[in-house]
Amino acid sequence: MLELLDSRDVLLCSDSKSSYRGFDLMFDFAHETINAGKEHTRGIYHVQNVNAYGSRLKKWLVRFHRVSTKYPNSYLG
């Protein structure tokens, strides 16, 4: 899927973890980092939607008592 994206049209917003820096360099994405410990937004950029989605997903997965990691897309469909 990533090969279909034009890197000029992609902006990666993330927290300040260094692993994201390698990802944006590998795929030549623009990258805006936000230190979530100190700020939640920077202008129009924020990571709260992704953080909230991850939190809701983890809470939802609890009911399945250790779902299989072999087919994660089946759960998200």
N, C-alpha and C. Protein backbone atom coordinates (compact mmCIF):
# COMPACT_ATOMS: atom_id res chain seq x y z
N MET A 1 0.81 -1.19 0.00
CA MET A 1 0.00 0.00 0.00
C MET A 1 0.86 1.26 0.00
N LEU A 2 1.96 1.25 0.73
CA LEU A 2 2.78 2.45 0.82
C LEU A 2 3.37 2.86 -0.52
N GLU A 3 3.60 1.91 -1.39
CA GLU A 3 4.16 2.28 -2.69
C GLU A 3 3.17 3.03 -3.56
N LEU A 4 1.88 2.99 -3.23
CA LEU A 4 0.87 3.70 -3.99
C LEU A 4 0.73 5.15 -3.56
N LEU A 5 1.31 5.52 -2.42
CA LEU A 5 1.19 6.87 -1.91
C LEU A 5 2.24 7.78 -2.52
N ASP A 6 1.85 8.99 -2.83
CA ASP A 6 2.80 10.00 -3.25
C ASP A 6 3.31 10.68 -1.98
N SER A 7 4.59 10.61 -1.70
CA SER A 7 5.12 11.10 -0.43
C SER A 7 4.89 12.59 -0.23
N ARG A 8 4.65 13.33 -1.30
CA ARG A 8 4.37 14.76 -1.15
C ARG A 8 3.00 15.00 -0.54
N ASP A 9 2.12 14.02 -0.60
CA ASP A 9 0.76 14.15 -0.08
C ASP A 9 0.62 13.59 1.33
N VAL A 10 1.71 13.14 1.94
CA VAL A 10 1.63 12.47 3.23
C VAL A 10 2.34 13.30 4.29
N LEU A 11 1.65 13.49 5.41
CA LEU A 11 2.26 14.12 6.57
C LEU A 11 2.09 13.16 7.74
N LEU A 12 3.19 12.74 8.31
CA LEU A 12 3.17 11.84 9.46
C LEU A 12 3.23 12.68 10.72
N CYS A 13 2.21 12.61 11.56
CA CYS A 13 2.20 13.27 12.87
C CYS A 13 2.39 12.19 13.91
N SER A 14 3.37 12.37 14.77
CA SER A 14 3.65 11.33 15.77
C SER A 14 4.15 11.96 17.05
N ASP A 15 4.27 11.12 18.07
CA ASP A 15 4.93 11.59 19.27
C ASP A 15 6.42 11.64 18.96
N SER A 16 7.22 11.94 19.93
CA SER A 16 8.63 12.19 19.66
C SER A 16 9.53 10.96 19.76
N LYS A 17 8.97 9.77 19.62
CA LYS A 17 9.79 8.56 19.65
C LYS A 17 10.67 8.49 18.40
N SER A 18 11.89 8.07 18.58
CA SER A 18 12.86 8.07 17.48
C SER A 18 12.55 7.07 16.37
N SER A 19 11.78 6.04 16.66
CA SER A 19 11.48 5.03 15.64
C SER A 19 10.68 5.61 14.47
N TYR A 20 9.89 6.64 14.73
CA TYR A 20 9.13 7.26 13.65
C TYR A 20 10.03 8.03 12.69
N ARG A 21 11.13 8.55 13.19
CA ARG A 21 12.06 9.30 12.34
C ARG A 21 12.62 8.40 11.24
N GLY A 22 12.95 7.17 11.56
CA GLY A 22 13.45 6.24 10.55
C GLY A 22 12.39 5.92 9.52
N PHE A 23 11.15 5.81 9.96
CA PHE A 23 10.04 5.50 9.05
C PHE A 23 9.82 6.63 8.05
N ASP A 24 9.81 7.87 8.53
CA ASP A 24 9.59 8.98 7.60
C ASP A 24 10.77 9.16 6.64
N LEU A 25 11.98 8.85 7.09
CA LEU A 25 13.13 8.92 6.18
C LEU A 25 13.08 7.82 5.12
N MET A 26 12.64 6.63 5.52
CA MET A 26 12.57 5.51 4.61
C MET A 26 11.58 5.77 3.47
N PHE A 27 10.45 6.40 3.80
CA PHE A 27 9.41 6.63 2.80
C PHE A 27 9.31 8.08 2.35
N ASP A 28 10.22 8.93 2.82
CA ASP A 28 10.30 10.33 2.41
C ASP A 28 9.00 11.09 2.70
N PHE A 29 8.45 10.89 3.90
CA PHE A 29 7.25 11.62 4.32
C PHE A 29 7.67 12.88 5.06
N ALA A 30 6.83 13.89 4.99
CA ALA A 30 6.98 15.03 5.90
C ALA A 30 6.59 14.53 7.29
N HIS A 31 7.27 15.04 8.32
CA HIS A 31 7.04 14.50 9.66
C HIS A 31 6.96 15.64 10.66
N GLU A 32 5.88 15.70 11.39
CA GLU A 32 5.68 16.67 12.46
C GLU A 32 5.63 15.92 13.78
N THR A 33 6.57 16.22 14.67
CA THR A 33 6.59 15.53 15.96
C THR A 33 5.97 16.41 17.04
N ILE A 34 5.27 15.76 17.93
CA ILE A 34 4.63 16.44 19.06
C ILE A 34 5.01 15.68 20.32
N ASN A 35 5.60 16.38 21.25
CA ASN A 35 5.97 15.76 22.52
C ASN A 35 4.72 15.66 23.38
N ALA A 36 4.09 14.50 23.41
CA ALA A 36 2.80 14.31 24.08
C ALA A 36 2.89 14.54 25.58
N GLY A 37 4.07 14.45 26.15
CA GLY A 37 4.22 14.71 27.58
C GLY A 37 4.13 16.18 27.92
N LYS A 38 4.43 17.05 26.94
CA LYS A 38 4.44 18.48 27.19
C LYS A 38 3.33 19.22 26.46
N GLU A 39 2.92 18.71 25.31
CA GLU A 39 1.90 19.39 24.52
C GLU A 39 1.02 18.35 23.83
N HIS A 40 -0.21 18.70 23.56
CA HIS A 40 -1.11 17.78 22.89
C HIS A 40 -1.38 18.20 21.45
N THR A 41 -1.16 19.46 21.17
CA THR A 41 -1.35 19.96 19.81
C THR A 41 -0.25 20.95 19.48
N ARG A 42 -0.02 21.12 18.20
CA ARG A 42 0.87 22.16 17.71
C ARG A 42 0.20 22.72 16.46
N GLY A 43 -0.47 23.83 16.63
CA GLY A 43 -1.21 24.40 15.51
C GLY A 43 -2.34 23.46 15.11
N ILE A 44 -2.36 23.05 13.86
CA ILE A 44 -3.40 22.12 13.38
C ILE A 44 -3.01 20.67 13.57
N TYR A 45 -1.79 20.40 14.02
CA TYR A 45 -1.30 19.04 14.17
C TYR A 45 -1.56 18.51 15.56
N HIS A 46 -2.04 17.28 15.64
CA HIS A 46 -2.22 16.63 16.94
C HIS A 46 -2.23 15.12 16.74
N VAL A 47 -2.02 14.40 17.83
CA VAL A 47 -2.00 12.94 17.78
C VAL A 47 -3.09 12.34 18.66
N GLN A 48 -3.99 13.15 19.15
CA GLN A 48 -4.99 12.68 20.09
C GLN A 48 -5.97 11.69 19.48
N ASN A 49 -6.36 11.85 18.22
CA ASN A 49 -7.29 10.90 17.61
C ASN A 49 -6.69 9.50 17.55
N VAL A 50 -5.44 9.41 17.18
CA VAL A 50 -4.77 8.12 17.10
C VAL A 50 -4.62 7.51 18.50
N ASN A 51 -4.23 8.34 19.46
CA ASN A 51 -4.10 7.85 20.84
C ASN A 51 -5.44 7.36 21.38
N ALA A 52 -6.50 8.11 21.11
CA ALA A 52 -7.84 7.72 21.59
C ALA A 52 -8.29 6.43 20.92
N TYR A 53 -8.03 6.28 19.63
CA TYR A 53 -8.40 5.06 18.92
C TYR A 53 -7.66 3.86 19.51
N GLY A 54 -6.38 4.01 19.74
CA GLY A 54 -5.60 2.93 20.33
C GLY A 54 -6.11 2.53 21.70
N SER A 55 -6.49 3.51 22.49
CA SER A 55 -7.04 3.23 23.81
C SER A 55 -8.36 2.48 23.72
N ARG A 56 -9.25 2.93 22.83
CA ARG A 56 -10.54 2.25 22.67
C ARG A 56 -10.36 0.83 22.13
N LEU A 57 -9.41 0.64 21.22
CA LEU A 57 -9.14 -0.68 20.66
C LEU A 57 -8.65 -1.64 21.75
N LYS A 58 -7.74 -1.18 22.59
CA LYS A 58 -7.22 -2.03 23.66
C LYS A 58 -8.32 -2.43 24.64
N LYS A 59 -9.19 -1.48 24.98
CA LYS A 59 -10.30 -1.78 25.89
C LYS A 59 -11.26 -2.79 25.25
N TRP A 60 -11.50 -2.65 23.96
CA TRP A 60 -12.41 -3.55 23.26
C TRP A 60 -11.82 -4.96 23.17
N LEU A 61 -10.51 -5.07 22.96
CA LEU A 61 -9.86 -6.37 22.81
C LEU A 61 -9.80 -7.16 24.12
N VAL A 62 -9.93 -6.49 25.26
CA VAL A 62 -9.87 -7.17 26.55
C VAL A 62 -10.90 -8.29 26.63
N ARG A 63 -12.07 -8.06 26.06
CA ARG A 63 -13.14 -9.07 26.16
C ARG A 63 -12.80 -10.39 25.46
N PHE A 64 -11.83 -10.39 24.57
CA PHE A 64 -11.48 -11.59 23.84
C PHE A 64 -10.39 -12.41 24.53
N HIS A 65 -9.87 -11.92 25.62
CA HIS A 65 -8.87 -12.66 26.40
C HIS A 65 -7.73 -13.19 25.52
N ARG A 66 -6.87 -12.31 25.15
CA ARG A 66 -5.70 -12.65 24.34
C ARG A 66 -6.07 -13.12 22.94
N VAL A 67 -6.45 -12.21 22.13
CA VAL A 67 -6.79 -12.54 20.75
C VAL A 67 -5.56 -12.99 20.00
N SER A 68 -5.77 -13.72 18.95
CA SER A 68 -4.68 -14.20 18.13
C SER A 68 -4.02 -13.04 17.40
N THR A 69 -2.70 -13.00 17.43
CA THR A 69 -1.99 -11.97 16.68
C THR A 69 -1.76 -12.40 15.23
N LYS A 70 -2.18 -13.59 14.90
CA LYS A 70 -1.98 -14.09 13.55
C LYS A 70 -2.92 -13.41 12.55
N TYR A 71 -4.13 -13.03 12.99
CA TYR A 71 -5.11 -12.44 12.09
C TYR A 71 -5.66 -11.11 12.65
N PRO A 72 -4.82 -10.12 12.90
CA PRO A 72 -5.33 -8.88 13.53
C PRO A 72 -6.31 -8.12 12.66
N ASN A 73 -6.19 -8.21 11.35
CA ASN A 73 -7.10 -7.48 10.46
C ASN A 73 -8.53 -8.00 10.57
N SER A 74 -8.69 -9.27 10.93
CA SER A 74 -10.03 -9.83 11.10
C SER A 74 -10.79 -9.14 12.23
N TYR A 75 -10.07 -8.72 13.27
CA TYR A 75 -10.70 -8.06 14.40
C TYR A 75 -11.05 -6.61 14.07
N LEU A 76 -10.25 -5.99 13.24
CA LEU A 76 -10.44 -4.57 12.94
C LEU A 76 -11.41 -4.33 11.80
N GLY A 77 -11.78 -5.37 11.07
CA GLY A 77 -12.70 -5.23 9.95
C GLY A 77 -14.04 -4.77 10.37
